[in-house]
Amino acid sequence: MNELQSQPVQEEHPLSPFFSDEPSRLFASLVWQRQTEQAQDLVQRGIPLNKVDPSGFCFLTFFMHLRDIESFQRLLDWGASPDLTSVEMAGMTPLMLSVGIPEPEFLEACIAARGDVNRLNEDGDSALILAAAGGNETAVRLLLAHGANVNQQGAMKTTALHEAAKEGYRSIVDLLQAAGANADLKDEYDETARQLLAA
């Protein structure tokens, strides 16, 4: 038994089985229990902060799932990447996933950690397109304020404006247009956001 595996876990979190190896379960439990010194010691000894488990989870997405912003921020401070991708999650990064939850602190933390707001997932969608499609106005504002490409065309060549117009998110449409969104870009069906807005 190696040194990492020999340390006792006082209280294992119910979600720790999302990590398939004992060192990762130990580390996640220590972070969750706020045993910061012990967790940081594992970081200094080389625990891979940016490992993606076969379950599709990395440490950042695990703590985002728990809505544990304190642990999430601590991991970023220690070097976890907000741009880590997972095959099991269609190339989604923690930054992209953060636009799908209501708490903006996670997206703010990813941006502050220099996460790439213009990175694309495997479908070709950016965080801005995902935020607009999901009606997350706060995320749209944050992404635009930090350099998101307002005219990025993603899956099926749709833009954030296409998505907001399609879903009827008028306030997001206004935000995107104020940021220079082009209402005349065509998707794969030759449909523009302007046409969607007029429908």
C-alpha atoms as a PDB file:
ATOM      1  CA  MET A   1       0.000   0.000   0.000  1.00  0.00           C
ATOM      2  CA  ASN A   2       1.470   3.340  -0.991  1.00  0.00           C
ATOM      3  CA  GLU A   3       1.603   6.438   1.191  1.00  0.00           C
ATOM      4  CA  LEU A   4      -1.445   8.047  -0.449  1.00  0.00           C
ATOM      5  CA  GLN A   5      -3.602   4.983   0.074  1.00  0.00           C
ATOM      6  CA  SER A   6      -2.546   4.490   3.694  1.00  0.00           C
ATOM      7  CA  GLN A   7      -4.046   7.756   4.983  1.00  0.00           C
ATOM      8  CA  PRO A   8      -7.417   7.246   6.698  1.00  0.00           C
ATOM      9  CA  VAL A   9     -10.550   8.985   5.478  1.00  0.00           C
ATOM     10  CA  GLN A  10     -12.552  10.074   8.499  1.00  0.00           C
ATOM     11  CA  GLU A  11     -15.807  10.599   6.635  1.00  0.00           C
ATOM     12  CA  GLU A  12     -16.284   9.621   3.019  1.00  0.00           C
ATOM     13  CA  HIS A  13     -18.665  11.722   0.954  1.00  0.00           C
ATOM     14  CA  PRO A  14     -21.503   9.772  -0.707  1.00  0.00           C
ATOM     15  CA  LEU A  15     -20.354  10.972  -4.127  1.00  0.00           C
ATOM     16  CA  SER A  16     -16.773   9.799  -3.687  1.00  0.00           C
ATOM     17  CA  PRO A  17     -17.503   6.642  -5.764  1.00  0.00           C
ATOM     18  CA  PHE A  18     -17.474   8.986  -8.770  1.00  0.00           C
ATOM     19  CA  PHE A  19     -13.695   8.627  -8.474  1.00  0.00           C
ATOM     20  CA  SER A  20     -12.503   5.162  -9.385  1.00  0.00           C
ATOM     21  CA  ASP A  21      -9.138   5.203  -7.598  1.00  0.00           C
ATOM     22  CA  GLU A  22      -8.384   5.456  -3.897  1.00  0.00           C
ATOM     23  CA  PRO A  23      -5.996   8.467  -4.059  1.00  0.00           C
ATOM     24  CA  SER A  24      -8.647  10.525  -5.876  1.00  0.00           C
ATOM     25  CA  ARG A  25     -11.356   9.471  -3.420  1.00  0.00           C
ATOM     26  CA  LEU A  26      -9.074  10.370  -0.543  1.00  0.00           C
ATOM     27  CA  PHE A  27      -8.209  13.750  -1.998  1.00  0.00           C
ATOM     28  CA  ALA A  28     -11.847  14.625  -2.799  1.00  0.00           C
ATOM     29  CA  SER A  29     -12.867  13.654   0.721  1.00  0.00           C
ATOM     30  CA  LEU A  30     -10.117  15.741   2.329  1.00  0.00           C
ATOM     31  CA  VAL A  31     -11.046  18.785   0.273  1.00  0.00           C
ATOM     32  CA  TRP A  32     -14.751  18.320   1.024  1.00  0.00           C
ATOM     33  CA  GLN A  33     -14.036  17.952   4.747  1.00  0.00           C
ATOM     34  CA  ARG A  34     -11.963  21.175   4.691  1.00  0.00           C
ATOM     35  CA  GLN A  35      -8.847  19.271   5.725  1.00  0.00           C
ATOM     36  CA  THR A  36      -6.897  21.782   3.700  1.00  0.00           C
ATOM     37  CA  GLU A  37      -3.384  21.096   4.935  1.00  0.00           C
ATOM     38  CA  GLN A  38      -3.655  17.373   4.257  1.00  0.00           C
ATOM     39  CA  ALA A  39      -5.203  17.983   0.839  1.00  0.00           C
ATOM     40  CA  GLN A  40      -2.540  20.520  -0.082  1.00  0.00           C
ATOM     41  CA  ASP A  41       0.137  18.084   0.981  1.00  0.00           C
ATOM     42  CA  LEU A  42      -1.211  15.611  -1.582  1.00  0.00           C
ATOM     43  CA  VAL A  43      -1.115  18.357  -4.227  1.00  0.00           C
ATOM     44  CA  GLN A  44       2.523  19.077  -3.410  1.00  0.00           C
ATOM     45  CA  ARG A  45       3.285  15.366  -3.682  1.00  0.00           C
ATOM     46  CA  GLY A  46       1.804  15.200  -7.162  1.00  0.00           C
ATOM     47  CA  ILE A  47      -1.882  14.238  -7.009  1.00  0.00           C
ATOM     48  CA  PRO A  48      -3.102  14.908 -10.591  1.00  0.00           C
ATOM     49  CA  LEU A  49      -5.530  17.828 -10.181  1.00  0.00           C
ATOM     50  CA  ASN A  50      -6.519  17.644 -13.851  1.00  0.00           C
ATOM     51  CA  LYS A  51      -7.231  13.944 -14.109  1.00  0.00           C
ATOM     52  CA  VAL A  52     -10.553  13.006 -15.708  1.00  0.00           C
ATOM     53  CA  ASP A  53     -12.082   9.924 -14.120  1.00  0.00           C
ATOM     54  CA  PRO A  54     -13.724   7.273 -16.356  1.00  0.00           C
ATOM     55  CA  SER A  55     -17.015   8.508 -14.872  1.00  0.00           C
ATOM     56  CA  GLY A  56     -16.460  11.792 -16.710  1.00  0.00           C
ATOM     57  CA  PHE A  57     -15.841  13.778 -13.551  1.00  0.00           C
ATOM     58  CA  CYS A  58     -12.768  15.784 -12.674  1.00  0.00           C
ATOM     59  CA  PHE A  59     -12.283  17.385  -9.265  1.00  0.00           C
ATOM     60  CA  LEU A  60     -13.672  20.727 -10.450  1.00  0.00           C
ATOM     61  CA  THR A  61     -16.841  19.253 -11.940  1.00  0.00           C
ATOM     62  CA  PHE A  62     -17.306  17.120  -8.817  1.00  0.00           C
ATOM     63  CA  PHE A  63     -17.327  20.169  -6.542  1.00  0.00           C
ATOM     64  CA  MET A  64     -19.437  22.148  -8.974  1.00  0.00           C
ATOM     65  CA  HIS A  65     -21.963  19.301  -8.787  1.00  0.00           C
ATOM     66  CA  LEU A  66     -21.929  19.722  -5.002  1.00  0.00           C
ATOM     67  CA  ARG A  67     -22.254  23.534  -5.416  1.00  0.00           C
ATOM     68  CA  ASP A  68     -19.202  23.807  -3.166  1.00  0.00           C
ATOM     69  CA  ILE A  69     -17.661  27.083  -4.343  1.00  0.00           C
ATOM     70  CA  GLU A  70     -15.089  27.167  -1.545  1.00  0.00           C
ATOM     71  CA  SER A  71     -13.552  23.843  -2.613  1.00  0.00           C
ATOM     72  CA  PHE A  72     -13.933  24.744  -6.288  1.00  0.00           C
ATOM     73  CA  GLN A  73     -12.016  27.992  -5.800  1.00  0.00           C
ATOM     74  CA  ARG A  74      -9.353  26.264  -3.733  1.00  0.00           C
ATOM     75  CA  LEU A  75      -8.737  23.742  -6.509  1.00  0.00           C
ATOM     76  CA  LEU A  76      -8.380  26.532  -9.054  1.00  0.00           C
ATOM     77  CA  ASP A  77      -5.904  28.260  -6.747  1.00  0.00           C
ATOM     78  CA  TRP A  78      -3.893  25.040  -6.588  1.00  0.00           C
ATOM     79  CA  GLY A  79      -3.759  24.715 -10.380  1.00  0.00           C
ATOM     80  CA  ALA A  80      -6.863  22.846 -11.536  1.00  0.00           C
ATOM     81  CA  SER A  81      -7.750  23.915 -15.079  1.00  0.00           C
ATOM     82  CA  PRO A  82     -11.122  25.505 -15.949  1.00  0.00           C
ATOM     83  CA  ASP A  83     -10.431  24.375 -19.554  1.00  0.00           C
ATOM     84  CA  LEU A  84     -10.076  20.654 -18.853  1.00  0.00           C
ATOM     85  CA  THR A  85     -12.183  18.618 -21.286  1.00  0.00           C
ATOM     86  CA  SER A  86     -13.846  15.260 -20.855  1.00  0.00           C
ATOM     87  CA  VAL A  87     -14.701  12.785 -23.584  1.00  0.00           C
ATOM     88  CA  GLU A  88     -17.618  11.533 -21.507  1.00  0.00           C
ATOM     89  CA  MET A  89     -19.113  15.031 -21.389  1.00  0.00           C
ATOM     90  CA  ALA A  90     -18.787  15.897 -25.105  1.00  0.00           C
ATOM     91  CA  GLY A  91     -15.695  17.991 -24.572  1.00  0.00           C
ATOM     92  CA  MET A  92     -17.352  20.242 -22.028  1.00  0.00           C
ATOM     93  CA  THR A  93     -15.056  22.178 -19.713  1.00  0.00           C
ATOM     94  CA  PRO A  94     -15.804  23.297 -16.149  1.00  0.00           C
ATOM     95  CA  LEU A  95     -16.204  26.831 -17.523  1.00  0.00           C
ATOM     96  CA  MET A  96     -18.795  25.634 -20.060  1.00  0.00           C
ATOM     97  CA  LEU A  97     -20.633  23.549 -17.474  1.00  0.00           C
ATOM     98  CA  SER A  98     -20.785  26.515 -15.107  1.00  0.00           C
ATOM     99  CA  VAL A  99     -23.163  28.385 -17.439  1.00  0.00           C
ATOM    100  CA  GLY A 100     -25.723  25.638 -16.880  1.00  0.00           C
ATOM    101  CA  ILE A 101     -26.133  26.320 -13.164  1.00  0.00           C
ATOM    102  CA  PRO A 102     -27.717  29.353 -11.478  1.00  0.00           C
ATOM    103  CA  GLU A 103     -24.779  30.266  -9.224  1.00  0.00           C
ATOM    104  CA  PRO A 104     -22.562  32.747 -11.133  1.00  0.00           C
ATOM    105  CA  GLU A 105     -19.678  32.364  -8.673  1.00  0.00           C
ATOM    106  CA  PHE A 106     -18.464  29.252 -10.500  1.00  0.00           C
ATOM    107  CA  LEU A 107     -18.263  31.001 -13.864  1.00  0.00           C
ATOM    108  CA  GLU A 108     -16.651  34.031 -12.241  1.00  0.00           C
ATOM    109  CA  ALA A 109     -14.026  31.776 -10.660  1.00  0.00           C
ATOM    110  CA  CYS A 110     -13.313  30.061 -13.992  1.00  0.00           C
ATOM    111  CA  ILE A 111     -12.911  33.405 -15.757  1.00  0.00           C
ATOM    112  CA  ALA A 112     -10.651  34.726 -12.987  1.00  0.00           C
ATOM    113  CA  ALA A 113      -8.518  31.587 -13.420  1.00  0.00           C
ATOM    114  CA  ARG A 114      -8.052  32.582 -17.089  1.00  0.00           C
ATOM    115  CA  GLY A 115     -10.465  30.069 -18.503  1.00  0.00           C
ATOM    116  CA  ASP A 116     -10.962  30.319 -22.262  1.00  0.00           C
ATOM    117  CA  VAL A 117     -14.378  31.897 -22.830  1.00  0.00           C
ATOM    118  CA  ASN A 118     -14.148  31.123 -26.562  1.00  0.00           C
ATOM    119  CA  ARG A 119     -13.207  27.459 -26.340  1.00  0.00           C
ATOM    120  CA  LEU A 120     -15.573  25.145 -28.246  1.00  0.00           C
ATOM    121  CA  ASN A 121     -16.954  21.804 -27.144  1.00  0.00           C
ATOM    122  CA  GLU A 122     -17.104  18.767 -29.447  1.00  0.00           C
ATOM    123  CA  ASP A 123     -20.353  20.037 -30.976  1.00  0.00           C
ATOM    124  CA  GLY A 124     -18.685  23.352 -31.808  1.00  0.00           C
ATOM    125  CA  ASP A 125     -20.606  25.340 -29.198  1.00  0.00           C
ATOM    126  CA  SER A 126     -19.065  28.010 -26.983  1.00  0.00           C
ATOM    127  CA  ALA A 127     -20.006  28.899 -23.421  1.00  0.00           C
ATOM    128  CA  LEU A 128     -21.858  31.964 -24.754  1.00  0.00           C
ATOM    129  CA  ILE A 129     -23.994  29.858 -27.094  1.00  0.00           C
ATOM    130  CA  LEU A 130     -24.750  27.434 -24.251  1.00  0.00           C
ATOM    131  CA  ALA A 131     -25.612  30.278 -21.860  1.00  0.00           C
ATOM    132  CA  ALA A 132     -27.918  31.916 -24.396  1.00  0.00           C
ATOM    133  CA  ALA A 133     -29.656  28.618 -25.194  1.00  0.00           C
ATOM    134  CA  GLY A 134     -30.192  28.009 -21.477  1.00  0.00           C
ATOM    135  CA  GLY A 135     -31.484  31.509 -20.731  1.00  0.00           C
ATOM    136  CA  ASN A 136     -28.686  32.318 -18.300  1.00  0.00           C
ATOM    137  CA  GLU A 137     -28.607  36.098 -18.627  1.00  0.00           C
ATOM    138  CA  THR A 138     -26.043  36.581 -15.870  1.00  0.00           C
ATOM    139  CA  ALA A 139     -23.634  34.197 -17.596  1.00  0.00           C
ATOM    140  CA  VAL A 140     -24.196  35.941 -20.937  1.00  0.00           C
ATOM    141  CA  ARG A 141     -23.318  39.286 -19.334  1.00  0.00           C
ATOM    142  CA  LEU A 142     -20.183  37.870 -17.717  1.00  0.00           C
ATOM    143  CA  LEU A 143     -18.968  36.181 -20.887  1.00  0.00           C
ATOM    144  CA  LEU A 144     -19.539  39.251 -23.042  1.00  0.00           C
ATOM    145  CA  ALA A 145     -17.718  41.396 -20.495  1.00  0.00           C
ATOM    146  CA  HIS A 146     -14.713  39.070 -20.730  1.00  0.00           C
ATOM    147  CA  GLY A 147     -14.305  38.852 -24.488  1.00  0.00           C
ATOM    148  CA  ALA A 148     -16.657  36.121 -25.649  1.00  0.00           C
ATOM    149  CA  ASN A 149     -17.086  36.070 -29.444  1.00  0.00           C
ATOM    150  CA  VAL A 150     -20.671  37.218 -29.888  1.00  0.00           C
ATOM    151  CA  ASN A 151     -20.849  35.921 -33.480  1.00  0.00           C
ATOM    152  CA  GLN A 152     -19.304  32.479 -32.957  1.00  0.00           C
ATOM    153  CA  GLN A 153     -21.234  29.905 -34.976  1.00  0.00           C
ATOM    154  CA  GLY A 154     -21.543  26.572 -33.256  1.00  0.00           C
ATOM    155  CA  ALA A 155     -23.446  23.350 -33.823  1.00  0.00           C
ATOM    156  CA  MET A 156     -25.470  23.620 -37.053  1.00  0.00           C
ATOM    157  CA  LYS A 157     -23.893  27.082 -37.484  1.00  0.00           C
ATOM    158  CA  THR A 158     -26.212  28.657 -34.924  1.00  0.00           C
ATOM    159  CA  THR A 159     -25.068  31.676 -32.930  1.00  0.00           C
ATOM    160  CA  ALA A 160     -25.943  32.760 -29.412  1.00  0.00           C
ATOM    161  CA  LEU A 161     -28.431  35.156 -31.004  1.00  0.00           C
ATOM    162  CA  HIS A 162     -30.085  32.310 -32.910  1.00  0.00           C
ATOM    163  CA  GLU A 163     -30.479  30.398 -29.655  1.00  0.00           C
ATOM    164  CA  ALA A 164     -31.842  33.315 -27.650  1.00  0.00           C
ATOM    165  CA  ALA A 165     -34.244  34.286 -30.433  1.00  0.00           C
ATOM    166  CA  LYS A 166     -35.440  30.697 -30.829  1.00  0.00           C
ATOM    167  CA  GLU A 167     -36.187  30.396 -27.115  1.00  0.00           C
ATOM    168  CA  GLY A 168     -37.753  33.843 -26.800  1.00  0.00           C
ATOM    169  CA  TYR A 169     -35.189  35.238 -24.346  1.00  0.00           C
ATOM    170  CA  ARG A 170     -35.744  38.875 -25.266  1.00  0.00           C
ATOM    171  CA  SER A 171     -33.439  40.386 -22.640  1.00  0.00           C
ATOM    172  CA  ILE A 172     -30.596  38.151 -23.836  1.00  0.00           C
ATOM    173  CA  VAL A 173     -31.350  39.066 -27.442  1.00  0.00           C
ATOM    174  CA  ASP A 174     -31.021  42.723 -26.466  1.00  0.00           C
ATOM    175  CA  LEU A 175     -27.727  42.076 -24.675  1.00  0.00           C
ATOM    176  CA  LEU A 176     -26.269  40.224 -27.641  1.00  0.00           C
ATOM    177  CA  GLN A 177     -27.374  42.818 -30.150  1.00  0.00           C
ATOM    178  CA  ALA A 178     -25.929  45.606 -28.001  1.00  0.00           C
ATOM    179  CA  ALA A 179     -22.643  43.654 -28.068  1.00  0.00           C
ATOM    180  CA  GLY A 180     -22.655  43.541 -31.876  1.00  0.00           C
ATOM    181  CA  ALA A 181     -24.410  40.262 -32.660  1.00  0.00           C
ATOM    182  CA  ASN A 182     -25.044  39.855 -36.380  1.00  0.00           C
ATOM    183  CA  ALA A 183     -28.707  39.008 -36.902  1.00  0.00           C
ATOM    184  CA  ASP A 184     -28.102  38.052 -40.545  1.00  0.00           C
ATOM    185  CA  LEU A 185     -25.745  35.094 -40.079  1.00  0.00           C
ATOM    186  CA  LYS A 186     -27.333  31.930 -41.456  1.00  0.00           C
ATOM    187  CA  ASP A 187     -27.478  28.573 -39.766  1.00  0.00           C
ATOM    188  CA  GLU A 188     -27.310  25.248 -41.639  1.00  0.00           C
ATOM    189  CA  TYR A 189     -30.949  25.697 -42.638  1.00  0.00           C
ATOM    190  CA  ASP A 190     -30.257  29.169 -44.095  1.00  0.00           C
ATOM    191  CA  GLU A 191     -32.264  30.719 -41.267  1.00  0.00           C
ATOM    192  CA  THR A 192     -31.137  33.953 -39.638  1.00  0.00           C
ATOM    193  CA  ALA A 193     -31.770  35.218 -36.138  1.00  0.00           C
ATOM    194  CA  ARG A 194     -33.565  38.153 -37.740  1.00  0.00           C
ATOM    195  CA  GLN A 195     -36.081  35.744 -39.261  1.00  0.00           C
ATOM    196  CA  LEU A 196     -36.549  34.020 -35.927  1.00  0.00           C
ATOM    197  CA  LEU A 197     -37.154  37.340 -34.192  1.00  0.00           C
ATOM    198  CA  ALA A 198     -39.744  38.329 -36.782  1.00  0.00           C
ATOM    199  CA  ALA A 199     -41.638  35.068 -36.530  1.00  0.00           C
END
